[in-house]
PDB file of N, CA and C in Angstrom:
ATOM      1  N   MET A   1       0.826  -1.180   0.000  1.00  0.00           N
ATOM      2  CA  MET A   1       0.000   0.000   0.000  1.00  0.00           C
ATOM      3  C   MET A   1       0.869   1.241   0.000  1.00  0.00           C
ATOM      4  N   SER A   2       0.488   2.245  -0.741  1.00  0.00           N
ATOM      5  CA  SER A   2       1.289   3.457  -0.882  1.00  0.00           C
ATOM      6  C   SER A   2       0.998   4.433   0.250  1.00  0.00           C
ATOM      7  N   ASP A   3       2.045   5.143   0.692  1.00  0.00           N
ATOM      8  CA  ASP A   3       1.881   6.149   1.744  1.00  0.00           C
ATOM      9  C   ASP A   3       1.459   7.507   1.185  1.00  0.00           C
ATOM     10  N   SER A   4       1.559   7.712  -0.136  1.00  0.00           N
ATOM     11  CA  SER A   4       1.193   9.003  -0.708  1.00  0.00           C
ATOM     12  C   SER A   4      -0.330   9.153  -0.725  1.00  0.00           C
ATOM     13  N   PRO A   5      -0.823  10.363  -0.479  1.00  0.00           N
ATOM     14  CA  PRO A   5      -2.286  10.570  -0.454  1.00  0.00           C
ATOM     15  C   PRO A   5      -2.883  10.411  -1.846  1.00  0.00           C
ATOM     16  N   GLN A   6      -4.081   9.904  -1.901  1.00  0.00           N
ATOM     17  CA  GLN A   6      -4.806   9.712  -3.154  1.00  0.00           C
ATOM     18  C   GLN A   6      -5.780  10.887  -3.303  1.00  0.00           C
ATOM     19  N   TRP A   7      -5.452  11.855  -4.156  1.00  0.00           N
ATOM     20  CA  TRP A   7      -6.290  13.054  -4.298  1.00  0.00           C
ATOM     21  C   TRP A   7      -7.534  12.780  -5.126  1.00  0.00           C
ATOM     22  N   PHE A   8      -7.424  11.901  -6.098  1.00  0.00           N
ATOM     23  CA  PHE A   8      -8.601  11.514  -6.875  1.00  0.00           C
ATOM     24  C   PHE A   8      -8.342  10.148  -7.479  1.00  0.00           C
ATOM     25  N   ASP A   9      -9.428   9.467  -7.796  1.00  0.00           N
ATOM     26  CA  ASP A   9      -9.275   8.144  -8.390  1.00  0.00           C
ATOM     27  C   ASP A   9      -9.369   8.246  -9.910  1.00  0.00           C
ATOM     28  N   GLU A  10      -9.217   7.133 -10.590  1.00  0.00           N
ATOM     29  CA  GLU A  10      -9.221   7.141 -12.048  1.00  0.00           C
ATOM     30  C   GLU A  10     -10.569   7.563 -12.627  1.00  0.00           C
ATOM     31  N   GLU A  11     -11.649   7.320 -11.919  1.00  0.00           N
ATOM     32  CA  GLU A  11     -12.975   7.681 -12.411  1.00  0.00           C
ATOM     33  C   GLU A  11     -13.236   9.184 -12.326  1.00  0.00           C
ATOM     34  N   ALA A  12     -12.508   9.880 -11.457  1.00  0.00           N
ATOM     35  CA  ALA A  12     -12.741  11.306 -11.285  1.00  0.00           C
ATOM     36  C   ALA A  12     -12.254  12.109 -12.479  1.00  0.00           C
ATOM     37  N   GLY A  13     -11.259  11.625 -13.197  1.00  0.00           N
ATOM     38  CA  GLY A  13     -10.740  12.344 -14.351  1.00  0.00           C
ATOM     39  C   GLY A  13      -9.828  13.473 -13.927  1.00  0.00           C
ATOM     40  N   PRO A  14      -9.430  14.293 -14.892  1.00  0.00           N
ATOM     41  CA  PRO A  14      -8.511  15.389 -14.564  1.00  0.00           C
ATOM     42  C   PRO A  14      -9.190  16.440 -13.698  1.00  0.00           C
ATOM     43  N   VAL A  15      -8.450  16.979 -12.781  1.00  0.00           N
ATOM     44  CA  VAL A  15      -8.995  17.984 -11.877  1.00  0.00           C
ATOM     45  C   VAL A  15      -8.412  19.350 -12.248  1.00  0.00           C
ATOM     46  N   VAL A  16      -9.228  20.178 -12.901  1.00  0.00           N
ATOM     47  CA  VAL A  16      -8.831  21.534 -13.268  1.00  0.00           C
ATOM     48  C   VAL A  16      -9.991  22.438 -12.913  1.00  0.00           C
ATOM     49  N   ARG A  17      -9.741  23.380 -12.041  1.00  0.00           N
ATOM     50  CA  ARG A  17     -10.808  24.303 -11.669  1.00  0.00           C
ATOM     51  C   ARG A  17     -11.186  25.161 -12.880  1.00  0.00           C
ATOM     52  N   PRO A  18     -12.476  25.380 -13.089  1.00  0.00           N
ATOM     53  CA  PRO A  18     -12.905  26.104 -14.297  1.00  0.00           C
ATOM     54  C   PRO A  18     -12.271  27.483 -14.452  1.00  0.00           C
ATOM     55  N   TYR A  19     -12.035  28.192 -13.359  1.00  0.00           N
ATOM     56  CA  TYR A  19     -11.482  29.531 -13.515  1.00  0.00           C
ATOM     57  C   TYR A  19     -10.039  29.493 -14.013  1.00  0.00           C
ATOM     58  N   ALA A  20      -9.362  28.375 -13.883  1.00  0.00           N
ATOM     59  CA  ALA A  20      -8.002  28.250 -14.407  1.00  0.00           C
ATOM     60  C   ALA A  20      -8.007  28.304 -15.928  1.00  0.00           C
ATOM     61  N   LEU A  21      -9.090  27.853 -16.543  1.00  0.00           N
ATOM     62  CA  LEU A  21      -9.206  27.891 -18.001  1.00  0.00           C
ATOM     63  C   LEU A  21      -9.267  29.312 -18.526  1.00  0.00           C
ATOM     64  N   ILE A  22      -9.806  30.206 -17.716  1.00  0.00           N
ATOM     65  CA  ILE A  22      -9.982  31.594 -18.156  1.00  0.00           C
ATOM     66  C   ILE A  22      -9.082  32.547 -17.376  1.00  0.00           C
ATOM     67  N   ARG A  23      -8.031  31.978 -16.777  1.00  0.00           N
ATOM     68  CA  ARG A  23      -7.005  32.741 -16.057  1.00  0.00           C
ATOM     69  C   ARG A  23      -7.594  33.610 -14.944  1.00  0.00           C
ATOM     70  N   GLY A  24      -8.589  33.100 -14.271  1.00  0.00           N
ATOM     71  CA  GLY A  24      -9.161  33.790 -13.120  1.00  0.00           C
ATOM     72  C   GLY A  24     -10.117  34.912 -13.453  1.00  0.00           C
ATOM     73  N   ARG A  25     -10.335  35.189 -14.727  1.00  0.00           N
ATOM     74  CA  ARG A  25     -11.250  36.277 -15.106  1.00  0.00           C
ATOM     75  C   ARG A  25     -12.690  35.850 -14.892  1.00  0.00           C
ATOM     76  N   THR A  26     -13.509  36.788 -14.517  1.00  0.00           N
ATOM     77  CA  THR A  26     -14.932  36.491 -14.378  1.00  0.00           C
ATOM     78  C   THR A  26     -15.759  37.254 -15.401  1.00  0.00           C
ATOM     79  N   ARG A  27     -15.132  38.170 -16.094  1.00  0.00           N
ATOM     80  CA  ARG A  27     -15.849  38.977 -17.091  1.00  0.00           C
ATOM     81  C   ARG A  27     -14.987  39.134 -18.334  1.00  0.00           C
ATOM     82  N   SER A  28     -15.673  39.241 -19.465  1.00  0.00           N
ATOM     83  CA  SER A  28     -15.016  39.538 -20.736  1.00  0.00           C
ATOM     84  C   SER A  28     -16.040  40.232 -21.604  1.00  0.00           C
ATOM     85  N   SER A  29     -15.713  40.376 -22.872  1.00  0.00           N
ATOM     86  CA  SER A  29     -16.673  41.004 -23.781  1.00  0.00           C
ATOM     87  C   SER A  29     -17.876  40.091 -24.029  1.00  0.00           C
ATOM     88  N   GLY A  30     -17.839  38.856 -23.521  1.00  0.00           N
ATOM     89  CA  GLY A  30     -18.929  37.914 -23.736  1.00  0.00           C
ATOM     90  C   GLY A  30     -19.957  37.901 -22.627  1.00  0.00           C
ATOM     91  N   ASP A  31     -19.891  38.842 -21.688  1.00  0.00           N
ATOM     92  CA  ASP A  31     -20.810  38.834 -20.561  1.00  0.00           C
ATOM     93  C   ASP A  31     -22.262  38.999 -20.969  1.00  0.00           C
ATOM     94  N   GLY A  32     -22.510  39.655 -22.073  1.00  0.00           N
ATOM     95  CA  GLY A  32     -23.878  39.902 -22.484  1.00  0.00           C
ATOM     96  C   GLY A  32     -24.495  38.782 -23.290  1.00  0.00           C
ATOM     97  N   PHE A  33     -23.790  37.662 -23.476  1.00  0.00           N
ATOM     98  CA  PHE A  33     -24.327  36.574 -24.275  1.00  0.00           C
ATOM     99  C   PHE A  33     -25.526  35.950 -23.579  1.00  0.00           C
ATOM    100  N   ASP A  34     -26.636  35.916 -24.292  1.00  0.00           N
ATOM    101  CA  ASP A  34     -27.839  35.267 -23.793  1.00  0.00           C
ATOM    102  C   ASP A  34     -27.653  33.754 -23.876  1.00  0.00           C
ATOM    103  N   LEU A  35     -28.324  33.011 -23.021  1.00  0.00           N
ATOM    104  CA  LEU A  35     -28.201  31.552 -23.034  1.00  0.00           C
ATOM    105  C   LEU A  35     -28.655  30.932 -24.342  1.00  0.00           C
ATOM    106  N   VAL A  36     -29.593  31.581 -25.015  1.00  0.00           N
ATOM    107  CA  VAL A  36     -30.102  31.031 -26.269  1.00  0.00           C
ATOM    108  C   VAL A  36     -29.475  31.696 -27.491  1.00  0.00           C
ATOM    109  N   ALA A  37     -28.460  32.525 -27.275  1.00  0.00           N
ATOM    110  CA  ALA A  37     -27.745  33.131 -28.398  1.00  0.00           C
ATOM    111  C   ALA A  37     -27.078  32.021 -29.211  1.00  0.00           C
ATOM    112  N   THR A  38     -27.046  32.197 -30.514  1.00  0.00           N
ATOM    113  CA  THR A  38     -26.504  31.190 -31.420  1.00  0.00           C
ATOM    114  C   THR A  38     -25.049  31.501 -31.735  1.00  0.00           C
ATOM    115  N   VAL A  39     -24.201  30.496 -31.568  1.00  0.00           N
ATOM    116  CA  VAL A  39     -22.772  30.619 -31.837  1.00  0.00           C
ATOM    117  C   VAL A  39     -22.455  29.849 -33.100  1.00  0.00           C
ATOM    118  N   ARG A  40     -21.630  30.459 -33.959  1.00  0.00           N
ATOM    119  CA  ARG A  40     -21.216  29.804 -35.204  1.00  0.00           C
ATOM    120  C   ARG A  40     -19.743  30.103 -35.445  1.00  0.00           C
ATOM    121  N   ALA A  41     -18.976  29.083 -35.793  1.00  0.00           N
ATOM    122  CA  ALA A  41     -17.559  29.251 -36.104  1.00  0.00           C
ATOM    123  C   ALA A  41     -17.436  29.959 -37.448  1.00  0.00           C
ATOM    124  N   VAL A  42     -16.575  30.975 -37.505  1.00  0.00           N
ATOM    125  CA  VAL A  42     -16.376  31.711 -38.757  1.00  0.00           C
ATOM    126  C   VAL A  42     -14.906  31.763 -39.157  1.00  0.00           C
ATOM    127  N   GLY A  43     -14.002  31.487 -38.240  1.00  0.00           N
ATOM    128  CA  GLY A  43     -12.583  31.574 -38.541  1.00  0.00           C
ATOM    129  C   GLY A  43     -11.909  30.221 -38.458  1.00  0.00           C
ATOM    130  N   ASP A  44     -10.693  30.184 -38.980  1.00  0.00           N
ATOM    131  CA  ASP A  44      -9.899  28.969 -38.891  1.00  0.00           C
ATOM    132  C   ASP A  44      -9.284  28.858 -37.513  1.00  0.00           C
ATOM    133  N   SER A  45      -8.987  27.663 -37.116  1.00  0.00           N
ATOM    134  CA  SER A  45      -8.425  27.393 -35.799  1.00  0.00           C
ATOM    135  C   SER A  45      -6.918  27.619 -35.800  1.00  0.00           C
ATOM    136  N   PRO A  46      -6.446  28.714 -35.179  1.00  0.00           N
ATOM    137  CA  PRO A  46      -5.006  28.892 -35.062  1.00  0.00           C
ATOM    138  C   PRO A  46      -4.439  27.879 -34.076  1.00  0.00           C
ATOM    139  N   GLY A  47      -3.170  27.584 -34.195  1.00  0.00           N
ATOM    140  CA  GLY A  47      -2.553  26.553 -33.376  1.00  0.00           C
ATOM    141  C   GLY A  47      -2.484  26.867 -31.896  1.00  0.00           C
ATOM    142  N   GLU A  48      -2.571  28.127 -31.503  1.00  0.00           N
ATOM    143  CA  GLU A  48      -2.396  28.481 -30.100  1.00  0.00           C
ATOM    144  C   GLU A  48      -3.664  28.405 -29.256  1.00  0.00           C
ATOM    145  N   LEU A  49      -4.739  27.877 -29.797  1.00  0.00           N
ATOM    146  CA  LEU A  49      -5.973  27.736 -29.026  1.00  0.00           C
ATOM    147  C   LEU A  49      -5.852  26.596 -28.026  1.00  0.00           C
ATOM    148  N   GLY A  50      -6.514  26.781 -26.884  1.00  0.00           N
ATOM    149  CA  GLY A  50      -6.574  25.721 -25.891  1.00  0.00           C
ATOM    150  C   GLY A  50      -7.545  24.640 -26.318  1.00  0.00           C
ATOM    151  N   PRO A  51      -7.529  23.506 -25.628  1.00  0.00           N
ATOM    152  CA  PRO A  51      -8.414  22.404 -26.023  1.00  0.00           C
ATOM    153  C   PRO A  51      -9.894  22.756 -25.931  1.00  0.00           C
ATOM    154  N   GLU A  52     -10.277  23.545 -24.938  1.00  0.00           N
ATOM    155  CA  GLU A  52     -11.695  23.917 -24.807  1.00  0.00           C
ATOM    156  C   GLU A  52     -12.131  24.801 -25.962  1.00  0.00           C
ATOM    157  N   GLN A  53     -11.269  25.727 -26.373  1.00  0.00           N
ATOM    158  CA  GLN A  53     -11.608  26.598 -27.498  1.00  0.00           C
ATOM    159  C   GLN A  53     -11.685  25.801 -28.800  1.00  0.00           C
ATOM    160  N   GLN A  54     -10.823  24.818 -28.955  1.00  0.00           N
ATOM    161  CA  GLN A  54     -10.905  23.963 -30.140  1.00  0.00           C
ATOM    162  C   GLN A  54     -12.203  23.158 -30.139  1.00  0.00           C
ATOM    163  N   LEU A  55     -12.624  22.696 -28.957  1.00  0.00           N
ATOM    164  CA  LEU A  55     -13.899  21.982 -28.862  1.00  0.00           C
ATOM    165  C   LEU A  55     -15.065  22.896 -29.216  1.00  0.00           C
ATOM    166  N   ILE A  56     -14.984  24.147 -28.788  1.00  0.00           N
ATOM    167  CA  ILE A  56     -16.040  25.115 -29.112  1.00  0.00           C
ATOM    168  C   ILE A  56     -16.119  25.293 -30.623  1.00  0.00           C
ATOM    169  N   LEU A  57     -14.968  25.459 -31.274  1.00  0.00           N
ATOM    170  CA  LEU A  57     -14.964  25.640 -32.725  1.00  0.00           C
ATOM    171  C   LEU A  57     -15.535  24.417 -33.438  1.00  0.00           C
ATOM    172  N   ARG A  58     -15.212  23.233 -32.960  1.00  0.00           N
ATOM    173  CA  ARG A  58     -15.755  22.015 -33.573  1.00  0.00           C
ATOM    174  C   ARG A  58     -17.271  21.955 -33.396  1.00  0.00           C
ATOM    175  N   ALA A  59     -17.729  22.257 -32.178  1.00  0.00           N
ATOM    176  CA  ALA A  59     -19.169  22.199 -31.902  1.00  0.00           C
ATOM    177  C   ALA A  59     -19.931  23.281 -32.656  1.00  0.00           C
ATOM    178  N   ALA A  60     -19.266  24.414 -32.918  1.00  0.00           N
ATOM    179  CA  ALA A  60     -19.938  25.551 -33.547  1.00  0.00           C
ATOM    180  C   ALA A  60     -19.817  25.541 -35.069  1.00  0.00           C
ATOM    181  N   ARG A  61     -19.391  24.435 -35.638  1.00  0.00           N
ATOM    182  CA  ARG A  61     -19.385  24.341 -37.104  1.00  0.00           C
ATOM    183  C   ARG A  61     -20.795  24.494 -37.634  1.00  0.00           C
ATOM    184  N   SER A  62     -21.747  23.949 -36.894  1.00  0.00           N
ATOM    185  CA  SER A  62     -23.152  24.224 -37.170  1.00  0.00           C
ATOM    186  C   SER A  62     -23.652  25.051 -35.989  1.00  0.00           C
ATOM    187  N   PRO A  63     -24.630  25.901 -36.194  1.00  0.00           N
ATOM    188  CA  PRO A  63     -25.085  26.795 -35.114  1.00  0.00           C
ATOM    189  C   PRO A  63     -25.464  26.030 -33.847  1.00  0.00           C
ATOM    190  N   ILE A  64     -25.041  26.572 -32.710  1.00  0.00           N
ATOM    191  CA  ILE A  64     -25.305  25.954 -31.408  1.00  0.00           C
ATOM    192  C   ILE A  64     -25.508  27.063 -30.387  1.00  0.00           C
ATOM    193  N   SER A  65     -26.379  26.843 -29.428  1.00  0.00           N
ATOM    194  CA  SER A  65     -26.647  27.870 -28.415  1.00  0.00           C
ATOM    195  C   SER A  65     -25.551  27.874 -27.348  1.00  0.00           C
ATOM    196  N   VAL A  66     -25.458  28.979 -26.626  1.00  0.00           N
ATOM    197  CA  VAL A  66     -24.488  29.111 -25.536  1.00  0.00           C
ATOM    198  C   VAL A  66     -24.751  28.045 -24.473  1.00  0.00           C
ATOM    199  N   ALA A  67     -26.022  27.830 -24.147  1.00  0.00           N
ATOM    200  CA  ALA A  67     -26.374  26.824 -23.138  1.00  0.00           C
ATOM    201  C   ALA A  67     -25.969  25.422 -23.590  1.00  0.00           C
ATOM    202  N   ASP A  68     -26.181  25.111 -24.864  1.00  0.00           N
ATOM    203  CA  ASP A  68     -25.797  23.796 -25.370  1.00  0.00           C
ATOM    204  C   ASP A  68     -24.283  23.607 -25.358  1.00  0.00           C
ATOM    205  N   LEU A  69     -23.538  24.676 -25.619  1.00  0.00           N
ATOM    206  CA  LEU A  69     -22.079  24.589 -25.535  1.00  0.00           C
ATOM    207  C   LEU A  69     -21.632  24.268 -24.117  1.00  0.00           C
ATOM    208  N   ALA A  70     -22.275  24.910 -23.131  1.00  0.00           N
ATOM    209  CA  ALA A  70     -21.927  24.645 -21.735  1.00  0.00           C
ATOM    210  C   ALA A  70     -22.170  23.187 -21.381  1.00  0.00           C
ATOM    211  N   VAL A  71     -23.266  22.639 -21.880  1.00  0.00           N
ATOM    212  CA  VAL A  71     -23.573  21.230 -21.623  1.00  0.00           C
ATOM    213  C   VAL A  71     -22.580  20.339 -22.351  1.00  0.00           C
ATOM    214  N   GLU A  72     -22.313  20.663 -23.607  1.00  0.00           N
ATOM    215  CA  GLU A  72     -21.409  19.855 -24.423  1.00  0.00           C
ATOM    216  C   GLU A  72     -20.004  19.778 -23.828  1.00  0.00           C
ATOM    217  N   LEU A  73     -19.511  20.916 -23.305  1.00  0.00           N
ATOM    218  CA  LEU A  73     -18.156  20.950 -22.749  1.00  0.00           C
ATOM    219  C   LEU A  73     -18.132  20.654 -21.254  1.00  0.00           C
ATOM    220  N   ASP A  74     -19.306  20.537 -20.640  1.00  0.00           N
ATOM    221  CA  ASP A  74     -19.417  20.281 -19.208  1.00  0.00           C
ATOM    222  C   ASP A  74     -18.675  21.342 -18.397  1.00  0.00           C
ATOM    223  N   LEU A  75     -18.954  22.612 -18.742  1.00  0.00           N
ATOM    224  CA  LEU A  75     -18.350  23.761 -18.057  1.00  0.00           C
ATOM    225  C   LEU A  75     -19.447  24.729 -17.643  1.00  0.00           C
ATOM    226  N   PRO A  76     -19.198  25.511 -16.587  1.00  0.00           N
ATOM    227  CA  PRO A  76     -20.184  26.525 -16.195  1.00  0.00           C
ATOM    228  C   PRO A  76     -20.402  27.553 -17.303  1.00  0.00           C
ATOM    229  N   VAL A  77     -21.600  28.090 -17.378  1.00  0.00           N
ATOM    230  CA  VAL A  77     -21.942  29.066 -18.408  1.00  0.00           C
ATOM    231  C   VAL A  77     -21.030  30.290 -18.318  1.00  0.00           C
ATOM    232  N   GLY A  78     -20.667  30.712 -17.115  1.00  0.00           N
ATOM    233  CA  GLY A  78     -19.779  31.861 -16.962  1.00  0.00           C
ATOM    234  C   GLY A  78     -18.440  31.644 -17.637  1.00  0.00           C
ATOM    235  N   VAL A  79     -17.905  30.452 -17.526  1.00  0.00           N
ATOM    236  CA  VAL A  79     -16.637  30.126 -18.170  1.00  0.00           C
ATOM    237  C   VAL A  79     -16.813  30.130 -19.687  1.00  0.00           C
ATOM    238  N   ILE A  80     -17.902  29.546 -20.162  1.00  0.00           N
ATOM    239  CA  ILE A  80     -18.181  29.520 -21.603  1.00  0.00           C
ATOM    240  C   ILE A  80     -18.295  30.936 -22.142  1.00  0.00           C
ATOM    241  N   ARG A  81     -18.966  31.818 -21.421  1.00  0.00           N
ATOM    242  CA  ARG A  81     -19.127  33.198 -21.889  1.00  0.00           C
ATOM    243  C   ARG A  81     -17.785  33.906 -22.014  1.00  0.00           C
ATOM    244  N   VAL A  82     -16.891  33.707 -21.062  1.00  0.00           N
ATOM    245  CA  VAL A  82     -15.568  34.336 -21.133  1.00  0.00           C
ATOM    246  C   VAL A  82     -14.797  33.786 -22.334  1.00  0.00           C
ATOM    247  N   LEU A  83     -14.825  32.467 -22.517  1.00  0.00           N
ATOM    248  CA  LEU A  83     -14.133  31.864 -23.655  1.00  0.00           C
ATOM    249  C   LEU A  83     -14.721  32.365 -24.982  1.00  0.00           C
ATOM    250  N   LEU A  84     -16.050  32.448 -25.059  1.00  0.00           N
ATOM    251  CA  LEU A  84     -16.691  32.930 -26.281  1.00  0.00           C
ATOM    252  C   LEU A  84     -16.354  34.392 -26.558  1.00  0.00           C
ATOM    253  N   GLY A  85     -16.301  35.203 -25.506  1.00  0.00           N
ATOM    254  CA  GLY A  85     -15.936  36.609 -25.687  1.00  0.00           C
ATOM    255  C   GLY A  85     -14.540  36.750 -26.268  1.00  0.00           C
ATOM    256  N   ASP A  86     -13.603  35.968 -25.756  1.00  0.00           N
ATOM    257  CA  ASP A  86     -12.238  35.996 -26.281  1.00  0.00           C
ATOM    258  C   ASP A  86     -12.210  35.563 -27.746  1.00  0.00           C
ATOM    259  N   MET A  87     -12.956  34.510 -28.042  1.00  0.00           N
ATOM    260  CA  MET A  87     -12.964  33.982 -29.402  1.00  0.00           C
ATOM    261  C   MET A  87     -13.628  34.946 -30.374  1.00  0.00           C
ATOM    262  N   ARG A  88     -14.674  35.621 -29.931  1.00  0.00           N
ATOM    263  CA  ARG A  88     -15.324  36.614 -30.796  1.00  0.00           C
ATOM    264  C   ARG A  88     -14.390  37.786 -31.045  1.00  0.00           C
ATOM    265  N   ASP A  89     -13.649  38.206 -30.012  1.00  0.00           N
ATOM    266  CA  ASP A  89     -12.702  39.306 -30.167  1.00  0.00           C
ATOM    267  C   ASP A  89     -11.609  38.980 -31.180  1.00  0.00           C
ATOM    268  N   HIS A  90     -11.288  37.691 -31.330  1.00  0.00           N
ATOM    269  CA  HIS A  90     -10.261  37.269 -32.289  1.00  0.00           C
ATOM    270  C   HIS A  90     -10.851  36.872 -33.649  1.00  0.00           C
ATOM    271  N   GLY A  91     -12.148  37.061 -33.833  1.00  0.00           N
ATOM    272  CA  GLY A  91     -12.789  36.802 -35.110  1.00  0.00           C
ATOM    273  C   GLY A  91     -12.966  35.333 -35.445  1.00  0.00           C
ATOM    274  N   LEU A  92     -13.024  34.482 -34.419  1.00  0.00           N
ATOM    275  CA  LEU A  92     -13.156  33.043 -34.656  1.00  0.00           C
ATOM    276  C   LEU A  92     -14.604  32.577 -34.699  1.00  0.00           C
ATOM    277  N   ILE A  93     -15.500  33.334 -34.048  1.00  0.00           N
ATOM    278  CA  ILE A  93     -16.910  32.954 -33.985  1.00  0.00           C
ATOM    279  C   ILE A  93     -17.786  34.178 -34.220  1.00  0.00           C
ATOM    280  N   SER A  94     -19.022  33.923 -34.575  1.00  0.00           N
ATOM    281  CA  SER A  94     -20.038  34.981 -34.580  1.00  0.00           C
ATOM    282  C   SER A  94     -21.137  34.544 -33.620  1.00  0.00           C
ATOM    283  N   VAL A  95     -21.716  35.518 -32.934  1.00  0.00           N
ATOM    284  CA  VAL A  95     -22.781  35.232 -31.971  1.00  0.00           C
ATOM    285  C   VAL A  95     -23.985  36.065 -32.364  1.00  0.00           C
ATOM    286  N   THR A  96     -25.110  35.388 -32.548  1.00  0.00           N
ATOM    287  CA  THR A  96     -26.343  36.061 -32.939  1.00  0.00           C
ATOM    288  C   THR A  96     -27.338  35.966 -31.801  1.00  0.00           C
ATOM    289  N   SER A  97     -27.783  37.118 -31.346  1.00  0.00           N
ATOM    290  CA  SER A  97     -28.772  37.164 -30.274  1.00  0.00           C
ATOM    291  C   SER A  97     -30.143  36.849 -30.853  1.00  0.00           C
ATOM    292  N   PRO A  98     -30.978  36.132 -30.104  1.00  0.00           N
ATOM    293  CA  PRO A  98     -32.310  35.807 -30.635  1.00  0.00           C
ATOM    294  C   PRO A  98     -33.166  37.038 -30.866  1.00  0.00           C
ATOM    295  N   SER A  99     -32.914  38.096 -30.145  1.00  0.00           N
ATOM    296  CA  SER A  99     -33.716  39.312 -30.318  1.00  0.00           C
ATOM    297  C   SER A  99     -33.291  40.097 -31.550  1.00  0.00           C
ATOM    298  N   ALA A 100     -32.099  39.820 -32.087  1.00  0.00           N
ATOM    299  CA  ALA A 100     -31.608  40.569 -33.235  1.00  0.00           C
ATOM    300  C   ALA A 100     -32.422  40.303 -34.492  1.00  0.00           C
ATOM    301  N   GLY A 101     -32.885  39.094 -34.708  1.00  0.00           N
ATOM    302  CA  GLY A 101     -33.589  38.768 -35.932  1.00  0.00           C
ATOM    303  C   GLY A 101     -35.084  38.618 -35.783  1.00  0.00           C
ATOM    304  N   GLY A 102     -35.601  38.543 -34.588  1.00  0.00           N
ATOM    305  CA  GLY A 102     -36.999  38.193 -34.423  1.00  0.00           C
ATOM    306  C   GLY A 102     -37.934  39.311 -34.033  1.00  0.00           C
ATOM    307  N   SER A 103     -37.503  40.554 -34.016  1.00  0.00           N
ATOM    308  CA  SER A 103     -38.374  41.619 -33.523  1.00  0.00           C
ATOM    309  C   SER A 103     -39.555  41.857 -34.449  1.00  0.00           C
ATOM    310  N   ARG A 104     -39.354  41.733 -35.775  1.00  0.00           N
ATOM    311  CA  ARG A 104     -40.444  41.965 -36.717  1.00  0.00           C
ATOM    312  C   ARG A 104     -41.535  40.906 -36.580  1.00  0.00           C
ATOM    313  N   SER A 105     -41.155  39.656 -36.460  1.00  0.00           N
ATOM    314  CA  SER A 105     -42.165  38.603 -36.363  1.00  0.00           C
ATOM    315  C   SER A 105     -42.913  38.693 -35.040  1.00  0.00           C
ATOM    316  N   ASN A 106     -42.221  39.086 -33.972  1.00  0.00           N
ATOM    317  CA  ASN A 106     -42.888  39.261 -32.681  1.00  0.00           C
ATOM    318  C   ASN A 106     -43.931  40.368 -32.772  1.00  0.00           C
ATOM    319  N   GLU A 107     -43.605  41.426 -33.477  1.00  0.00           N
ATOM    320  CA  GLU A 107     -44.529  42.543 -33.645  1.00  0.00           C
ATOM    321  C   GLU A 107     -45.780  42.083 -34.403  1.00  0.00           C
ATOM    322  N   ARG A 108     -45.576  41.308 -35.450  1.00  0.00           N
ATOM    323  CA  ARG A 108     -46.689  40.801 -36.260  1.00  0.00           C
ATOM    324  C   ARG A 108     -47.587  39.893 -35.432  1.00  0.00           C
ATOM    325  N   ILE A 109     -46.984  39.018 -34.646  1.00  0.00           N
ATOM    326  CA  ILE A 109     -47.753  38.100 -33.805  1.00  0.00           C
ATOM    327  C   ILE A 109     -48.577  38.864 -32.783  1.00  0.00           C
ATOM    328  N   LEU A 110     -47.967  39.865 -32.155  1.00  0.00           N
ATOM    329  CA  LEU A 110     -48.702  40.665 -31.163  1.00  0.00           C
ATOM    330  C   LEU A 110     -49.892  41.384 -31.793  1.00  0.00           C
ATOM    331  N   LYS A 111     -49.715  41.921 -32.996  1.00  0.00           N
ATOM    332  CA  LYS A 111     -50.832  42.592 -33.682  1.00  0.00           C
ATOM    333  C   LYS A 111     -51.958  41.608 -33.986  1.00  0.00           C
ATOM    334  N   GLU A 112     -51.597  40.396 -34.388  1.00  0.00           N
ATOM    335  CA  GLU A 112     -52.619  39.387 -34.663  1.00  0.00           C
ATOM    336  C   GLU A 112     -53.364  38.994 -33.394  1.00  0.00           C
ATOM    337  N   VAL A 113     -52.655  38.906 -32.274  1.00  0.00           N
ATOM    338  CA  VAL A 113     -53.300  38.582 -31.003  1.00  0.00           C
ATOM    339  C   VAL A 113     -54.261  39.692 -30.608  1.00  0.00           C
ATOM    340  N   ILE A 114     -53.829  40.921 -30.742  1.00  0.00           N
ATOM    341  CA  ILE A 114     -54.696  42.072 -30.406  1.00  0.00           C
ATOM    342  C   ILE A 114     -55.942  42.073 -31.291  1.00  0.00           C
ATOM    343  N   ASN A 115     -55.750  41.844 -32.581  1.00  0.00           N
ATOM    344  CA  ASN A 115     -56.906  41.814 -33.493  1.00  0.00           C
ATOM    345  C   ASN A 115     -57.847  40.667 -33.139  1.00  0.00           C
ATOM    346  N   GLY A 116     -57.290  39.531 -32.760  1.00  0.00           N
ATOM    347  CA  GLY A 116     -58.116  38.396 -32.355  1.00  0.00           C
ATOM    348  C   GLY A 116     -58.907  38.694 -31.102  1.00  0.00           C
ATOM    349  N   LEU A 117     -58.269  39.356 -30.137  1.00  0.00           N
ATOM    350  CA  LEU A 117     -58.959  39.738 -28.900  1.00  0.00           C
ATOM    351  C   LEU A 117     -60.074  40.737 -29.175  1.00  0.00           C
ATOM    352  N   ARG A 118     -59.816  41.665 -30.062  1.00  0.00           N
ATOM    353  CA  ARG A 118     -60.850  42.651 -30.415  1.00  0.00           C
ATOM    354  C   ARG A 118     -62.044  41.970 -31.080  1.00  0.00           C
ATOM    355  N   ALA A 119     -61.770  40.927 -31.852  1.00  0.00           N
ATOM    356  CA  ALA A 119     -62.855  40.229 -32.556  1.00  0.00           C
ATOM    357  C   ALA A 119     -63.769  39.469 -31.588  1.00  0.00           C
ATOM    358  N   LEU A 120     -63.283  39.171 -30.399  1.00  0.00           N
ATOM    359  CA  LEU A 120     -64.133  38.475 -29.425  1.00  0.00           C
ATOM    360  C   LEU A 120     -65.162  39.424 -28.940  1.00  0.00           C
TER     361      LEU A 120
END
């Protein structure tokens, strides 16, 4: 039997605190990302990206929400937002807010609801 302490077993996997991935930062230009905002890869993967950022680029080849990225990478949403902000600043991804494209259709739906209520 070994005298050295066992900090984690083989099932626990690698132990890296999430804030270490983002160098202790809690805010970036990605703080305003909505959970349902759509992320899409637009740039090529430079060699200096970390493994999490490479996973984000792979997952974002087709549009994916911020919340789905957090689930896919098994990381807190705050960490994902910081990573996404950095990646957007470097032109690697585009982020589309759901409110950016849907305001016209929401307006039309509301008018139809009002007209329907008036008809009652």
